[in-house]
N, C-alpha and C. Protein backbone atom coordinates (compact mmCIF):
# COMPACT_ATOMS: atom_id res chain seq x y z
N MET A 1 28.12 28.87 -5.08
CA MET A 1 27.74 27.39 -4.09
C MET A 1 28.10 27.98 -2.91
N ASP A 2 27.36 27.55 -1.43
CA ASP A 2 27.44 27.60 -0.12
C ASP A 2 27.87 26.49 0.64
N THR A 3 29.55 26.53 0.50
CA THR A 3 30.39 25.59 1.72
C THR A 3 30.27 26.49 3.19
N SER A 4 29.56 27.84 3.18
CA SER A 4 30.12 27.75 4.76
C SER A 4 30.45 27.11 5.81
N ASP A 5 30.26 26.68 6.88
CA ASP A 5 30.27 25.87 8.12
C ASP A 5 29.27 26.95 9.04
N SER A 6 28.78 28.02 8.79
CA SER A 6 28.69 29.30 9.30
C SER A 6 27.37 29.11 9.01
N THR A 7 26.80 29.08 8.02
CA THR A 7 25.18 29.51 7.75
C THR A 7 24.27 27.82 8.21
N VAL A 8 25.08 26.84 8.53
CA VAL A 8 24.44 25.54 8.11
C VAL A 8 22.97 25.45 9.37
N SER A 9 21.83 24.82 9.46
CA SER A 9 20.86 24.87 10.69
C SER A 9 21.48 23.68 11.45
N PHE A 10 22.59 22.82 11.41
CA PHE A 10 22.44 21.86 12.24
C PHE A 10 23.73 20.42 10.91
N THR A 11 24.40 19.89 11.86
CA THR A 11 24.71 18.63 11.72
C THR A 11 24.83 17.85 11.33
N THR A 12 25.24 17.42 10.13
CA THR A 12 24.24 16.34 9.00
C THR A 12 25.60 15.11 9.22
N ALA A 13 25.33 14.07 8.44
CA ALA A 13 26.15 12.84 7.75
C ALA A 13 26.06 13.26 7.03
N PRO A 14 27.24 12.89 5.79
CA PRO A 14 27.98 13.12 4.75
C PRO A 14 26.02 12.48 4.52
N GLY A 15 25.70 13.41 2.69
CA GLY A 15 25.15 13.40 1.91
C GLY A 15 23.30 13.87 2.28
N PHE A 16 23.17 14.59 3.41
CA PHE A 16 22.73 15.25 4.29
C PHE A 16 22.23 16.42 3.75
N CYS A 17 21.34 17.08 3.57
CA CYS A 17 21.35 18.25 3.12
C CYS A 17 22.21 19.44 5.34
N PRO A 18 22.75 20.01 4.93
CA PRO A 18 23.08 20.33 6.39
C PRO A 18 22.15 21.75 6.70
N ASP A 19 21.28 21.98 6.07
CA ASP A 19 20.58 23.13 6.07
C ASP A 19 18.77 22.85 6.72
N CYS A 20 18.31 21.64 5.81
CA CYS A 20 17.13 21.13 6.19
C CYS A 20 17.07 19.83 6.40
N GLY A 21 18.11 19.16 6.28
CA GLY A 21 18.90 17.61 7.05
C GLY A 21 18.02 17.03 5.51
N SER A 22 17.13 17.08 4.40
CA SER A 22 17.43 16.30 3.49
C SER A 22 18.04 15.55 3.02
N ILE A 23 17.47 14.33 2.15
CA ILE A 23 19.00 13.07 1.74
C ILE A 23 19.14 13.93 -0.19
N LEU A 24 19.93 13.82 -0.41
CA LEU A 24 20.49 14.83 -1.48
C LEU A 24 20.82 14.04 -2.43
N PRO A 25 20.80 14.78 -3.50
CA PRO A 25 20.40 13.67 -4.74
C PRO A 25 22.42 13.62 -5.13
N LEU A 26 22.25 12.71 -6.05
CA LEU A 26 23.77 12.71 -6.27
C LEU A 26 24.29 14.28 -7.22
N LEU A 27 26.05 13.52 -6.64
CA LEU A 27 25.99 15.09 -8.11
C LEU A 27 26.25 15.10 -9.52
N GLY A 28 25.57 16.19 -9.46
CA GLY A 28 25.33 16.35 -11.00
C GLY A 28 26.47 16.84 -11.92
N ASP A 29 26.87 17.23 -12.94
CA ASP A 29 27.78 16.99 -14.07
C ASP A 29 28.70 18.32 -14.10
N GLN A 30 28.07 19.56 -13.26
CA GLN A 30 29.72 20.55 -12.59
C GLN A 30 29.75 20.22 -11.33
N GLY A 31 29.59 18.72 -10.61
CA GLY A 31 30.29 18.70 -9.20
C GLY A 31 29.80 19.12 -8.04
N GLY A 32 28.49 19.80 -8.25
CA GLY A 32 27.83 21.01 -6.78
C GLY A 32 26.59 19.31 -6.74
N VAL A 33 25.77 19.64 -6.03
CA VAL A 33 24.56 19.30 -5.76
C VAL A 33 23.55 20.09 -5.27
N THR A 34 22.03 20.71 -5.32
CA THR A 34 20.98 20.88 -5.13
C THR A 34 20.16 20.19 -4.66
N CYS A 35 19.94 20.52 -3.22
CA CYS A 35 18.82 19.94 -2.33
C CYS A 35 17.33 20.06 -2.97
N TYR A 36 15.98 18.98 -3.30
CA TYR A 36 14.77 18.96 -3.30
C TYR A 36 14.26 19.56 -2.41
N SER A 37 14.49 19.72 -1.44
CA SER A 37 12.96 20.46 -0.72
C SER A 37 13.99 22.08 -0.04
N CYS A 38 15.41 22.54 0.19
CA CYS A 38 15.40 23.88 0.03
C CYS A 38 15.90 24.37 -0.73
N ARG A 39 15.70 23.42 -1.63
CA ARG A 39 16.84 24.42 -3.18
C ARG A 39 18.35 25.15 -3.26
N ARG A 40 19.02 24.22 -1.80
CA ARG A 40 19.96 25.42 -1.89
C ARG A 40 21.56 24.65 -2.47
N THR A 41 22.32 25.06 -3.52
CA THR A 41 22.97 23.66 -3.72
C THR A 41 23.91 23.93 -2.93
N TRP A 42 25.31 23.36 -2.73
CA TRP A 42 26.38 22.93 -2.02
C TRP A 42 27.36 22.15 -3.39
N ASN A 43 28.76 21.86 -2.65
CA ASN A 43 30.09 22.07 -3.15
C ASN A 43 29.99 20.24 -2.68
N ALA A 44 31.25 19.50 -3.49
CA ALA A 44 30.71 18.23 -3.94
C ALA A 44 31.75 18.17 -2.06
N GLU A 45 31.46 18.84 -1.39
CA GLU A 45 32.51 18.34 -0.15
C GLU A 45 31.13 18.48 1.18
N VAL A 46 30.10 18.29 0.21
CA VAL A 46 28.92 17.68 1.39
C VAL A 46 28.48 16.59 1.77
N PHE A 47 29.28 15.64 0.54
CA PHE A 47 29.54 14.06 0.51
C PHE A 47 30.57 13.56 1.40
N GLY A 48 31.04 14.65 1.50
CA GLY A 48 32.03 13.65 2.39
C GLY A 48 33.72 13.14 1.38
N ASP A 49 33.49 12.04 3.02
CA ASP A 49 34.60 11.25 1.73
C ASP A 49 33.87 9.57 1.28
N MET A 50 32.23 10.33 0.94
CA MET A 50 31.86 8.43 1.37
C MET A 50 32.22 8.70 -0.84
N ALA A 51 32.80 7.25 -0.81
CA ALA A 51 32.59 6.46 -2.15
C ALA A 51 31.33 5.75 -2.77
N ILE A 52 30.89 5.93 -4.60
CA ILE A 52 29.77 4.86 -4.46
C ILE A 52 30.62 4.48 -5.73
N SER A 53 29.66 2.99 -5.23
CA SER A 53 30.45 1.80 -6.52
C SER A 53 28.34 1.31 -6.82
N TYR A 54 28.94 0.25 -7.50
CA TYR A 54 27.92 0.24 -8.09
C TYR A 54 28.47 -1.59 -8.67
N ASN A 55 28.12 -2.57 -9.61
CA ASN A 55 27.88 -3.89 -10.33
C ASN A 55 26.86 -3.58 -11.19
N ILE A 56 26.35 -4.05 -12.40
CA ILE A 56 25.67 -4.73 -13.04
C ILE A 56 25.99 -5.88 -13.88
N HIS A 57 24.99 -6.33 -12.84
CA HIS A 57 24.66 -7.68 -13.60
C HIS A 57 24.06 -8.30 -14.29
N PHE A 58 24.53 -8.98 -15.52
CA PHE A 58 24.08 -9.38 -17.17
C PHE A 58 23.55 -10.59 -16.99
N ASN A 59 22.15 -10.95 -17.42
CA ASN A 59 21.33 -12.44 -17.70
C ASN A 59 22.09 -12.88 -18.65
N ASP A 60 22.69 -14.37 -18.47
CA ASP A 60 23.09 -14.83 -19.61
C ASP A 60 22.48 -15.40 -20.68
N LEU A 61 23.44 -14.94 -21.28
CA LEU A 61 22.26 -14.91 -23.02
C LEU A 61 21.25 -16.29 -23.78
N ASN A 62 21.60 -17.55 -23.07
CA ASN A 62 20.41 -18.26 -23.14
C ASN A 62 19.77 -18.52 -22.26
N ALA A 63 19.59 -17.61 -20.96
CA ALA A 63 18.40 -17.32 -19.73
C ALA A 63 17.19 -17.81 -20.40
N TYR A 64 17.03 -16.70 -21.42
CA TYR A 64 15.18 -16.32 -22.03
C TYR A 64 15.39 -17.67 -22.76
N SER A 65 15.79 -18.18 -23.39
CA SER A 65 15.17 -19.66 -24.25
C SER A 65 15.57 -20.05 -23.10
N THR A 66 15.96 -20.36 -22.37
CA THR A 66 16.02 -22.38 -21.99
C THR A 66 14.26 -22.11 -21.08
N SER A 67 14.36 -20.91 -20.75
CA SER A 67 12.61 -20.66 -20.20
C SER A 67 12.00 -21.20 -21.21
N MET A 68 11.89 -20.76 -22.33
CA MET A 68 11.11 -21.27 -22.96
C MET A 68 10.53 -22.09 -23.82
N GLN A 69 11.32 -22.78 -23.81
CA GLN A 69 11.96 -24.72 -24.04
C GLN A 69 11.24 -25.50 -22.84
N LYS A 70 11.64 -24.59 -21.85
CA LYS A 70 10.71 -25.71 -20.65
C LYS A 70 9.17 -24.94 -20.61
N ASP A 71 9.32 -24.45 -21.01
CA ASP A 71 8.04 -24.18 -21.72
C ASP A 71 6.80 -24.59 -22.65
N ASP A 72 8.16 -24.69 -23.62
CA ASP A 72 7.23 -25.85 -24.73
C ASP A 72 7.12 -27.17 -24.78
N GLU A 73 8.18 -27.84 -23.17
CA GLU A 73 8.49 -29.08 -23.61
C GLU A 73 7.33 -29.66 -22.50
N ASP A 74 6.91 -28.64 -21.68
CA ASP A 74 5.26 -29.22 -20.58
C ASP A 74 4.06 -28.90 -21.15
N ASP A 75 4.29 -30.57 -21.29
CA ASP A 75 2.15 -30.86 -21.38
C ASP A 75 1.25 -30.70 -20.63
N GLU A 76 1.33 -29.47 -19.75
CA GLU A 76 0.26 -28.95 -18.74
C GLU A 76 -0.61 -28.54 -19.76
N ALA A 77 -2.15 -28.97 -19.17
CA ALA A 77 -3.28 -27.89 -19.50
C ALA A 77 -3.50 -26.74 -19.58
N ASP A 78 -4.34 -26.36 -20.24
CA ASP A 78 -4.95 -24.48 -19.81
C ASP A 78 -5.16 -24.80 -18.73
N GLY A 79 -6.58 -25.04 -18.39
CA GLY A 79 -7.29 -25.43 -17.32
C GLY A 79 -7.92 -26.42 -17.17
N PRO A 80 -8.90 -26.88 -16.42
CA PRO A 80 -9.63 -28.07 -15.97
C PRO A 80 -9.45 -29.11 -17.23
N VAL A 81 -9.57 -30.41 -16.85
CA VAL A 81 -8.99 -31.59 -17.86
C VAL A 81 -10.52 -32.44 -17.18
N VAL A 82 -11.02 -32.61 -18.93
CA VAL A 82 -12.11 -33.32 -18.83
C VAL A 82 -11.82 -34.94 -20.54
N ASP A 83 -12.95 -35.80 -19.60
CA ASP A 83 -13.25 -36.79 -20.37
C ASP A 83 -13.37 -36.87 -21.84
N ARG A 84 -13.21 -35.71 -23.04
CA ARG A 84 -13.14 -35.63 -24.14
C ARG A 84 -12.62 -36.24 -25.35
N ARG A 85 -12.75 -36.39 -26.33
CA ARG A 85 -12.10 -37.50 -27.56
C ARG A 85 -11.68 -36.07 -28.45
N CYS A 86 -10.59 -35.70 -28.64
CA CYS A 86 -10.19 -34.76 -29.35
C CYS A 86 -10.82 -35.07 -30.92
N PRO A 87 -11.01 -34.36 -31.72
CA PRO A 87 -11.70 -34.99 -33.09
C PRO A 87 -10.57 -34.70 -33.62
N GLN A 88 -9.25 -34.20 -33.75
CA GLN A 88 -8.22 -34.62 -34.52
C GLN A 88 -7.31 -35.55 -34.87
N CYS A 89 -6.54 -35.53 -33.61
CA CYS A 89 -5.81 -36.86 -33.18
C CYS A 89 -6.33 -37.76 -32.05
N GLN A 90 -7.59 -37.96 -31.59
CA GLN A 90 -8.47 -38.78 -30.57
C GLN A 90 -7.93 -39.05 -29.80
N ASN A 91 -7.24 -38.01 -28.71
CA ASN A 91 -6.85 -38.12 -27.34
C ASN A 91 -7.68 -38.25 -27.07
N ASP A 92 -7.97 -39.11 -25.12
CA ASP A 92 -9.47 -38.65 -24.68
C ASP A 92 -9.53 -37.27 -24.04
N LYS A 93 -8.94 -37.12 -23.07
CA LYS A 93 -8.43 -35.18 -22.55
C LYS A 93 -8.02 -34.32 -23.43
N MET A 94 -9.06 -33.54 -22.86
CA MET A 94 -9.28 -32.17 -23.14
C MET A 94 -9.25 -31.64 -22.30
N SER A 95 -8.56 -29.48 -22.26
CA SER A 95 -9.11 -28.17 -21.00
C SER A 95 -10.47 -28.29 -21.18
N TYR A 96 -10.16 -27.63 -20.50
CA TYR A 96 -12.39 -26.51 -20.67
C TYR A 96 -12.26 -25.17 -19.92
N ALA A 97 -12.44 -23.59 -20.78
CA ALA A 97 -12.09 -23.09 -20.29
C ALA A 97 -13.94 -21.96 -20.74
N THR A 98 -14.51 -21.98 -19.42
CA THR A 98 -16.03 -21.25 -19.87
C THR A 98 -16.31 -19.48 -19.63
N LEU A 99 -16.64 -18.49 -20.95
CA LEU A 99 -16.87 -17.58 -20.99
C LEU A 99 -18.68 -16.97 -21.61
N GLN A 100 -18.66 -15.61 -21.09
CA GLN A 100 -20.27 -15.58 -20.94
C GLN A 100 -20.17 -14.71 -22.45
N LEU A 101 -20.31 -15.73 -23.44
CA LEU A 101 -20.30 -14.59 -24.78
C LEU A 101 -22.22 -13.38 -24.98
N ARG A 102 -22.87 -14.91 -25.09
CA ARG A 102 -24.60 -14.19 -25.49
C ARG A 102 -25.11 -13.65 -24.52
N SER A 103 -25.42 -13.46 -23.99
CA SER A 103 -26.79 -12.56 -23.50
C SER A 103 -27.14 -13.45 -21.94
N ALA A 104 -27.00 -12.60 -20.83
CA ALA A 104 -27.47 -13.19 -19.28
C ALA A 104 -28.29 -14.86 -19.50
N ASP A 105 -29.39 -14.11 -20.19
CA ASP A 105 -30.85 -15.25 -20.46
C ASP A 105 -29.89 -16.56 -20.64
N GLU A 106 -28.84 -16.62 -21.89
CA GLU A 106 -28.12 -17.77 -22.77
C GLU A 106 -27.49 -19.21 -21.83
N GLY A 107 -26.89 -19.58 -22.34
CA GLY A 107 -26.15 -20.83 -21.54
C GLY A 107 -24.61 -19.55 -22.16
N GLN A 108 -23.70 -20.21 -21.08
CA GLN A 108 -21.70 -19.72 -21.69
C GLN A 108 -21.49 -20.95 -22.66
N THR A 109 -20.43 -20.01 -23.12
CA THR A 109 -19.73 -20.41 -24.38
C THR A 109 -18.29 -21.13 -23.59
N VAL A 110 -18.25 -22.91 -24.43
CA VAL A 110 -16.56 -23.61 -23.40
C VAL A 110 -16.06 -23.55 -24.56
N PHE A 111 -15.56 -23.27 -24.41
CA PHE A 111 -13.66 -22.84 -25.35
C PHE A 111 -13.17 -24.95 -25.02
N TYR A 112 -12.61 -25.92 -25.07
CA TYR A 112 -11.91 -26.90 -25.10
C TYR A 112 -10.76 -27.26 -26.02
N THR A 113 -9.91 -27.26 -25.17
CA THR A 113 -8.18 -27.54 -26.07
C THR A 113 -7.36 -28.88 -26.06
N CYS A 114 -7.38 -29.44 -26.69
CA CYS A 114 -6.87 -31.08 -26.70
C CYS A 114 -5.31 -30.79 -25.52
N THR A 115 -5.30 -31.70 -24.92
CA THR A 115 -4.46 -31.66 -23.98
C THR A 115 -2.24 -31.78 -24.51
N LYS A 116 -3.15 -32.75 -25.85
CA LYS A 116 -2.19 -33.21 -26.90
C LYS A 116 -0.95 -32.15 -27.95
N CYS A 117 -2.08 -32.24 -28.92
CA CYS A 117 -2.39 -31.43 -30.27
C CYS A 117 -2.73 -30.07 -30.64
N LYS A 118 -3.05 -29.76 -29.02
CA LYS A 118 -3.63 -28.45 -28.70
C LYS A 118 -4.84 -27.58 -29.76
N PHE A 119 -5.16 -28.27 -30.17
CA PHE A 119 -6.99 -28.51 -30.98
C PHE A 119 -7.29 -27.67 -30.47
N LYS A 120 -8.21 -26.77 -31.16
CA LYS A 120 -9.75 -26.19 -30.28
C LYS A 120 -11.03 -26.19 -31.53
N GLU A 121 -11.57 -26.61 -29.81
CA GLU A 121 -13.31 -26.49 -30.28
C GLU A 121 -14.11 -25.28 -29.63
N THR A 122 -15.25 -25.45 -29.68
CA THR A 122 -16.27 -24.76 -29.28
C THR A 122 -17.60 -24.86 -28.72
N GLU A 123 -18.22 -25.15 -27.58
CA GLU A 123 -19.81 -25.52 -27.66
C GLU A 123 -20.39 -25.00 -27.02
N ASN A 124 -21.84 -24.13 -27.78
CA ASN A 124 -22.84 -23.17 -26.86
C ASN A 124 -23.27 -24.03 -26.08
N SER A 125 -23.32 -24.18 -24.35
CA SER A 125 -24.21 -24.80 -24.35
C SER A 125 -25.77 -24.29 -23.75
């Protein structure tokens, strides 16, 4: 491995390649590091007295279950709401969405969903 200061091109901050100035990757298993740009290999001294630290924060075990419960509790519609009676629970509000499923010269298909019981119904218009 190369560590002599007489062969470096310029003086850089720790963590940068003294030969080409590129940022160096973290140390490998053998204690050395190879520059991605110039492919020169350096000892750990090229990092100087730098110290690397990190923290790992884990989510609470209940973090995802509470968000799923919140989604289940919401009685919001999946689209615009219209006055239409649900044939299953007799609720008078249904949301709808439209899609063009048939050929272009025919009407679009309307999908209705009850805002209370989530019953689904289709209508070809």
